[in-house]
Amino acid sequence: MTLQQLKYAICIAEEGKINLAAKKLFISQPSLTQAIRELEDDLGITIFTRTNRGVVLTAEGEEFLSYARQVEEQVGLLEEKYKGGKKRLRTFCVSCQHYSFAVQAFITLIRGSGADEYDFRLRETQTYEIIEDVASLKSQVGVLYLNGFNESVLSKVLKENDLQFTPLFTAKPHVFIGANNPLAKKGSVTLEELEPYPCLTFEQGEHNSFYFSEEIQPTHYAPKNIRVRDRATLFNCLVGLNGYTISSGVIDGELNWENIIAVPLAVNDYMQVGYVTHNRAELSPLAKQYIDLLIALTRDIK
């Protein structure tokens, strides 16, 4: 097993296709395929399963990649410290549910990095993918929530993947609605009052169980449902269709639209929002800085 083979495997996992990885690595596809086969034979495991759409990591491949990424990171730090010369490209990735404070922390991190070159990634994605990203060390930090409804299921999944959840804050339920919505001036709203309006939720793909819902109260009856994948589309629908989504109520004034407001929801529930890290992985300085920013931005949320 060589460092070059580790880099090859990491690149294939990131690209999802061997031909794309070969182009990025500036080697031929047959040479890359042979290198991975030799690595698999040397380790006695199957890292990738080949499909007609590319390659996917096996369970043992995911575990292998989690260690490979740590090795690559440590080698990079050693080269930067002892070889001198040009500093290595700064990289960082976070996966999160659709929270503006997580985006604001990401922006602040980049602004303060002082790097001339970097490759930072922010994945606002589905709940299960957040867990998968951190488990495979594709992301060093994940951001999601637990509450009385989903905690037993999500905690089990986190434990199975050797992940740790650390709370940031506990929020009372709110709804995001447009400023011109007829309910916008109310001090609080009930689920019954929301029934005439479209309910917007984030689609969860293959893991569309209620337990992986990004919104609390996932089992409440809503006669009009719209499922979306990104925050901009959700906000457009909130305003254009007088819709609503159930949320933490935390809005960043700089990043969210002025005509979106949060109104308390009259239900006995809560959202404990926190960050997820891998128990076997040492956090990089950038990951630690990002977590510090999350803590600072959410310290006063009640």
Protein backbone atom coordinates (compact mmCIF):
# COMPACT_ATOMS: atom_id res chain seq x y z
CA MET A 1 0.00 0.00 0.00
CA THR A 2 1.37 3.40 -1.00
CA LEU A 3 0.38 7.01 -0.33
CA GLN A 4 -0.28 7.38 -4.03
CA GLN A 5 -2.80 4.54 -3.93
CA LEU A 6 -4.54 6.20 -0.99
CA LYS A 7 -4.80 9.45 -2.96
CA TYR A 8 -6.18 7.52 -5.93
CA ALA A 9 -8.88 5.88 -3.80
CA ILE A 10 -9.86 9.19 -2.19
CA CYS A 11 -10.14 10.89 -5.56
CA ILE A 12 -12.32 8.10 -6.99
CA ALA A 13 -14.62 8.29 -3.97
CA GLU A 14 -14.97 12.06 -4.40
CA GLU A 15 -15.59 11.93 -8.15
CA GLY A 16 -17.83 8.85 -8.14
CA LYS A 17 -16.44 7.65 -11.48
CA ILE A 18 -13.05 6.21 -12.36
CA ASN A 19 -12.80 8.07 -15.68
CA LEU A 20 -13.42 11.42 -13.99
CA ALA A 21 -10.87 10.62 -11.28
CA ALA A 22 -8.33 9.59 -13.93
CA LYS A 23 -8.71 12.95 -15.70
CA LYS A 24 -8.29 14.83 -12.43
CA LEU A 25 -5.20 12.77 -11.53
CA PHE A 26 -3.74 13.06 -15.06
CA ILE A 27 -3.32 9.30 -15.51
CA SER A 28 -4.97 6.79 -17.79
CA GLN A 29 -8.15 5.04 -16.68
CA PRO A 30 -6.62 1.52 -17.05
CA SER A 31 -3.64 2.55 -14.88
CA LEU A 32 -5.94 3.91 -12.20
CA THR A 33 -8.13 0.82 -12.28
CA GLN A 34 -5.07 -1.43 -11.96
CA ALA A 35 -3.71 0.61 -9.03
CA ILE A 36 -6.98 0.24 -7.12
CA ARG A 37 -7.17 -3.50 -7.84
CA GLU A 38 -3.63 -3.93 -6.51
CA LEU A 39 -4.59 -1.94 -3.40
CA GLU A 40 -7.68 -4.09 -2.83
CA ASP A 41 -5.67 -7.28 -3.33
CA ASP A 42 -2.97 -6.05 -0.95
CA LEU A 43 -5.52 -5.23 1.78
CA GLY A 44 -7.81 -8.18 1.10
CA ILE A 45 -10.91 -5.97 0.87
CA THR A 46 -13.22 -4.59 -1.79
CA ILE A 47 -13.21 -0.80 -1.65
CA PHE A 48 -15.51 -0.03 -4.58
CA THR A 49 -18.44 -1.74 -6.22
CA ARG A 50 -18.62 -1.06 -9.95
CA THR A 51 -22.03 -0.08 -11.38
CA ASN A 52 -23.22 1.15 -14.78
CA ARG A 53 -23.35 4.67 -13.30
CA GLY A 54 -19.89 4.66 -11.76
CA VAL A 55 -18.53 3.28 -8.50
CA VAL A 56 -19.88 3.22 -4.96
CA LEU A 57 -18.05 2.55 -1.72
CA THR A 58 -18.63 -0.75 0.02
CA ALA A 59 -19.09 -0.80 3.80
CA GLU A 60 -15.45 -1.83 4.29
CA GLY A 61 -14.47 0.74 1.66
CA GLU A 62 -16.12 3.51 3.69
CA GLU A 63 -14.17 2.45 6.76
CA PHE A 64 -10.95 2.30 4.75
CA LEU A 65 -11.53 5.78 3.29
CA SER A 66 -12.11 7.23 6.75
CA TYR A 67 -8.56 6.18 7.70
CA ALA A 68 -7.10 7.07 4.30
CA ARG A 69 -8.32 10.66 4.55
CA GLN A 70 -6.70 11.01 7.97
CA VAL A 71 -3.40 9.71 6.59
CA GLU A 72 -3.55 12.13 3.64
CA GLU A 73 -4.27 15.06 5.96
CA GLN A 74 -1.38 14.20 8.28
CA VAL A 75 1.06 13.73 5.37
CA GLY A 76 0.06 17.13 4.03
CA LEU A 77 0.71 18.77 7.39
CA LEU A 78 4.12 17.09 7.66
CA GLU A 79 5.12 18.21 4.17
CA GLU A 80 4.02 21.77 4.86
CA LYS A 81 5.94 21.90 8.16
CA TYR A 82 9.20 20.22 7.17
CA LYS A 83 9.57 20.61 3.41
CA GLY A 84 8.95 24.34 3.45
CA GLY A 85 8.08 26.30 0.36
CA LYS A 86 4.52 26.81 -0.82
CA LYS A 87 1.83 26.06 1.72
CA ARG A 88 -0.54 23.24 0.86
CA LEU A 89 -4.05 23.96 -0.34
CA ARG A 90 -6.36 24.47 2.64
CA THR A 91 -9.37 22.18 2.52
CA PHE A 92 -12.46 21.84 4.67
CA CYS A 93 -15.94 20.41 4.24
CA VAL A 94 -19.05 20.63 6.41
CA SER A 95 -22.42 18.93 5.84
CA CYS A 96 -25.52 20.43 7.41
CA GLN A 97 -29.25 20.75 7.41
CA HIS A 98 -30.52 24.03 6.01
CA TYR A 99 -29.46 26.46 8.75
CA SER A 100 -28.40 30.03 7.98
CA PHE A 101 -26.14 30.18 11.06
CA ALA A 102 -24.17 27.20 9.70
CA VAL A 103 -23.69 29.10 6.44
CA GLN A 104 -22.70 32.28 8.29
CA ALA A 105 -20.09 30.36 10.28
CA PHE A 106 -18.76 28.92 7.01
CA ILE A 107 -18.49 32.38 5.43
CA THR A 108 -16.75 33.79 8.50
CA LEU A 109 -14.31 30.87 8.49
CA ILE A 110 -13.31 31.55 4.88
CA ARG A 111 -12.96 35.29 5.47
CA GLY A 112 -10.67 34.66 8.41
CA SER A 113 -8.62 31.88 6.85
CA GLY A 114 -6.12 34.24 5.26
CA ALA A 115 -5.43 31.65 2.56
CA ASP A 116 -4.56 32.62 -1.00
CA GLU A 117 -5.75 29.23 -2.22
CA TYR A 118 -8.36 26.94 -0.69
CA ASP A 119 -10.98 24.31 -1.48
CA PHE A 120 -13.84 24.68 1.00
CA ARG A 121 -17.13 22.83 0.64
CA LEU A 122 -20.53 23.40 2.24
CA ARG A 123 -23.07 20.63 1.70
CA GLU A 124 -26.61 21.61 2.69
CA THR A 125 -28.01 18.15 2.29
CA GLN A 126 -30.30 15.41 3.55
CA THR A 127 -30.13 14.18 7.14
CA TYR A 128 -28.84 10.69 6.39
CA GLU A 129 -26.23 12.04 3.97
CA ILE A 130 -24.90 14.30 6.73
CA ILE A 131 -24.31 11.21 8.86
CA GLU A 132 -22.73 9.36 5.93
CA ASP A 133 -20.45 12.30 5.09
CA VAL A 134 -19.06 12.55 8.63
CA ALA A 135 -18.81 8.76 9.01
CA SER A 136 -16.67 8.54 5.86
CA LEU A 137 -14.75 11.72 6.81
CA LYS A 138 -15.87 13.40 3.61
CA SER A 139 -16.95 16.12 6.05
CA GLN A 140 -15.28 16.80 9.36
CA VAL A 141 -18.37 18.39 10.87
CA GLY A 142 -22.11 17.82 10.44
CA VAL A 143 -24.96 19.98 11.75
CA LEU A 144 -28.41 18.55 12.50
CA TYR A 145 -31.02 18.38 15.26
CA LEU A 146 -32.43 15.86 17.70
CA ASN A 147 -35.72 15.93 19.60
CA GLY A 148 -38.00 13.58 21.47
CA PHE A 149 -39.38 12.11 18.26
CA ASN A 150 -36.20 11.26 16.32
CA GLU A 151 -33.56 10.99 19.05
CA SER A 152 -33.76 7.23 19.65
CA VAL A 153 -33.43 6.42 15.94
CA LEU A 154 -30.79 8.99 15.04
CA SER A 155 -28.74 8.32 18.17
CA LYS A 156 -28.64 4.63 17.22
CA VAL A 157 -27.44 5.48 13.70
CA LEU A 158 -24.84 7.89 15.07
CA LYS A 159 -23.55 5.26 17.49
CA GLU A 160 -23.35 2.61 14.76
CA ASN A 161 -21.16 4.98 12.74
CA ASP A 162 -18.97 5.90 15.74
CA LEU A 163 -20.16 9.52 15.69
CA GLN A 164 -20.73 11.98 18.51
CA PHE A 165 -23.49 14.60 18.74
CA THR A 166 -22.70 17.77 20.72
CA PRO A 167 -25.60 20.16 21.43
CA LEU A 168 -25.33 23.83 20.47
CA PHE A 169 -28.74 25.16 21.55
CA THR A 170 -32.34 24.12 22.11
CA ALA A 171 -34.97 26.05 20.16
CA LYS A 172 -38.72 26.27 20.48
CA PRO A 173 -40.73 25.45 17.34
CA HIS A 174 -41.46 28.26 14.90
CA VAL A 175 -42.80 28.53 11.38
CA PHE A 176 -41.15 30.48 8.60
CA ILE A 177 -43.75 32.36 6.56
CA GLY A 178 -43.80 35.30 4.19
CA ALA A 179 -44.19 38.74 5.73
CA ASN A 180 -47.45 39.20 3.79
CA ASN A 181 -48.97 35.93 4.95
CA PRO A 182 -52.30 36.50 6.79
CA LEU A 183 -50.77 34.80 9.87
CA ALA A 184 -47.69 37.02 9.94
CA LYS A 185 -49.02 39.44 12.58
CA LYS A 186 -50.11 36.77 15.04
CA GLY A 187 -48.15 36.23 18.25
CA SER A 188 -48.22 32.47 17.64
CA VAL A 189 -49.97 30.04 15.32
CA THR A 190 -51.45 26.57 15.70
CA LEU A 191 -51.19 23.59 13.37
CA GLU A 192 -54.91 23.93 12.67
CA GLU A 193 -54.44 27.54 11.53
CA LEU A 194 -51.73 26.39 9.12
CA GLU A 195 -53.90 23.78 7.34
CA PRO A 196 -55.13 26.11 4.54
CA TYR A 197 -51.55 26.90 3.52
CA PRO A 198 -48.98 24.77 1.63
CA CYS A 199 -46.54 22.96 3.92
CA LEU A 200 -42.95 23.02 2.61
CA THR A 201 -40.42 20.40 3.66
CA PHE A 202 -36.97 19.31 2.53
CA GLU A 203 -37.05 16.05 0.56
CA GLN A 204 -34.97 13.27 2.14
CA GLY A 205 -34.41 10.93 -0.82
CA GLU A 206 -34.16 7.22 -0.10
CA HIS A 207 -34.24 7.84 3.66
CA ASN A 208 -37.56 9.67 3.67
CA SER A 209 -38.63 8.25 7.03
CA PHE A 210 -40.32 10.63 9.46
CA TYR A 211 -37.32 10.16 11.75
CA PHE A 212 -34.97 11.76 9.20
CA SER A 213 -37.24 14.73 8.54
CA GLU A 214 -35.54 18.11 8.81
CA GLU A 215 -38.74 19.58 10.20
CA ILE A 216 -40.26 18.72 13.57
CA GLN A 217 -43.88 17.54 13.81
CA PRO A 218 -43.37 15.44 10.63
CA THR A 219 -46.53 13.38 11.24
CA HIS A 220 -48.93 16.32 11.50
CA TYR A 221 -51.68 16.43 8.90
CA ALA A 222 -51.09 18.89 6.06
CA PRO A 223 -53.51 18.68 3.10
CA LYS A 224 -51.11 20.64 0.86
CA ASN A 225 -47.50 19.42 0.71
CA ILE A 226 -44.51 20.63 -1.32
CA ARG A 227 -41.11 18.94 -1.04
CA VAL A 228 -37.98 20.76 -2.21
CA ARG A 229 -34.21 20.21 -2.15
CA ASP A 230 -32.73 23.66 -1.53
CA ARG A 231 -33.34 26.66 0.68
CA ALA A 232 -33.78 29.23 -2.12
CA THR A 233 -36.61 27.23 -3.67
CA LEU A 234 -38.25 26.80 -0.28
CA PHE A 235 -38.11 30.54 0.38
CA ASN A 236 -39.48 31.31 -3.08
CA CYS A 237 -42.45 29.03 -2.42
CA LEU A 238 -43.00 30.49 1.05
CA VAL A 239 -43.46 33.93 -0.47
CA GLY A 240 -45.03 33.05 -3.81
CA LEU A 241 -47.54 30.51 -2.46
CA ASN A 242 -48.09 31.82 1.08
CA GLY A 243 -46.59 28.58 2.33
CA TYR A 244 -44.88 27.70 5.59
CA THR A 245 -42.20 25.44 6.98
CA ILE A 246 -41.68 24.35 10.58
CA SER A 247 -38.25 25.32 11.87
CA SER A 248 -36.06 26.49 14.73
CA GLY A 249 -37.00 30.10 14.06
CA VAL A 250 -33.34 31.14 13.82
CA ILE A 251 -32.94 33.62 10.98
CA ASP A 252 -29.75 35.36 9.89
CA GLY A 253 -30.74 38.84 8.77
CA GLU A 254 -27.77 39.18 6.42
CA LEU A 255 -28.35 35.92 4.56
CA ASN A 256 -32.13 35.38 4.63
CA TRP A 257 -34.74 37.29 2.74
CA GLU A 258 -36.24 40.36 4.39
CA ASN A 259 -39.77 39.16 3.62
CA ILE A 260 -39.38 35.89 5.54
CA ILE A 261 -40.32 35.99 9.22
CA ALA A 262 -40.47 33.48 12.08
CA VAL A 263 -43.64 33.04 14.15
CA PRO A 264 -43.81 30.81 17.26
CA LEU A 265 -45.69 27.53 16.76
CA ALA A 266 -48.08 26.55 19.55
CA VAL A 267 -46.95 22.93 20.08
CA ASN A 268 -45.18 21.19 22.95
CA ASP A 269 -41.95 20.31 21.16
CA TYR A 270 -38.32 21.38 20.79
CA MET A 271 -35.27 21.15 18.53
CA GLN A 272 -31.86 20.45 20.04
CA VAL A 273 -29.52 21.59 17.30
CA GLY A 274 -25.91 20.45 17.47
CA TYR A 275 -22.85 19.32 15.56
CA VAL A 276 -21.66 15.82 14.71
CA THR A 277 -18.03 14.67 14.69
CA HIS A 278 -16.22 11.35 14.25
CA ASN A 279 -14.91 9.71 17.42
CA ARG A 280 -11.85 8.25 15.66
CA ALA A 281 -10.81 11.38 13.78
CA GLU A 282 -8.70 14.24 15.10
CA LEU A 283 -10.33 17.55 14.20
CA SER A 284 -8.24 19.83 12.00
CA PRO A 285 -7.58 23.43 13.08
CA LEU A 286 -10.17 24.59 10.52
CA ALA A 287 -12.78 22.21 11.93
CA LYS A 288 -12.10 23.47 15.45
CA GLN A 289 -12.39 27.07 14.26
CA TYR A 290 -15.68 26.30 12.52
CA ILE A 291 -17.11 24.73 15.68
CA ASP A 292 -16.00 27.76 17.70
CA LEU A 293 -17.83 29.98 15.22
CA LEU A 294 -20.98 27.85 15.51
CA ILE A 295 -20.85 28.20 19.29
CA ALA A 296 -20.32 31.96 19.10
CA LEU A 297 -23.15 32.51 16.62
CA THR A 298 -25.67 30.43 18.59
CA ARG A 299 -24.65 31.31 22.14
CA ASP A 300 -27.60 33.66 22.73
CA ILE A 301 -30.30 31.57 21.06
CA LYS A 302 -33.05 30.59 23.46
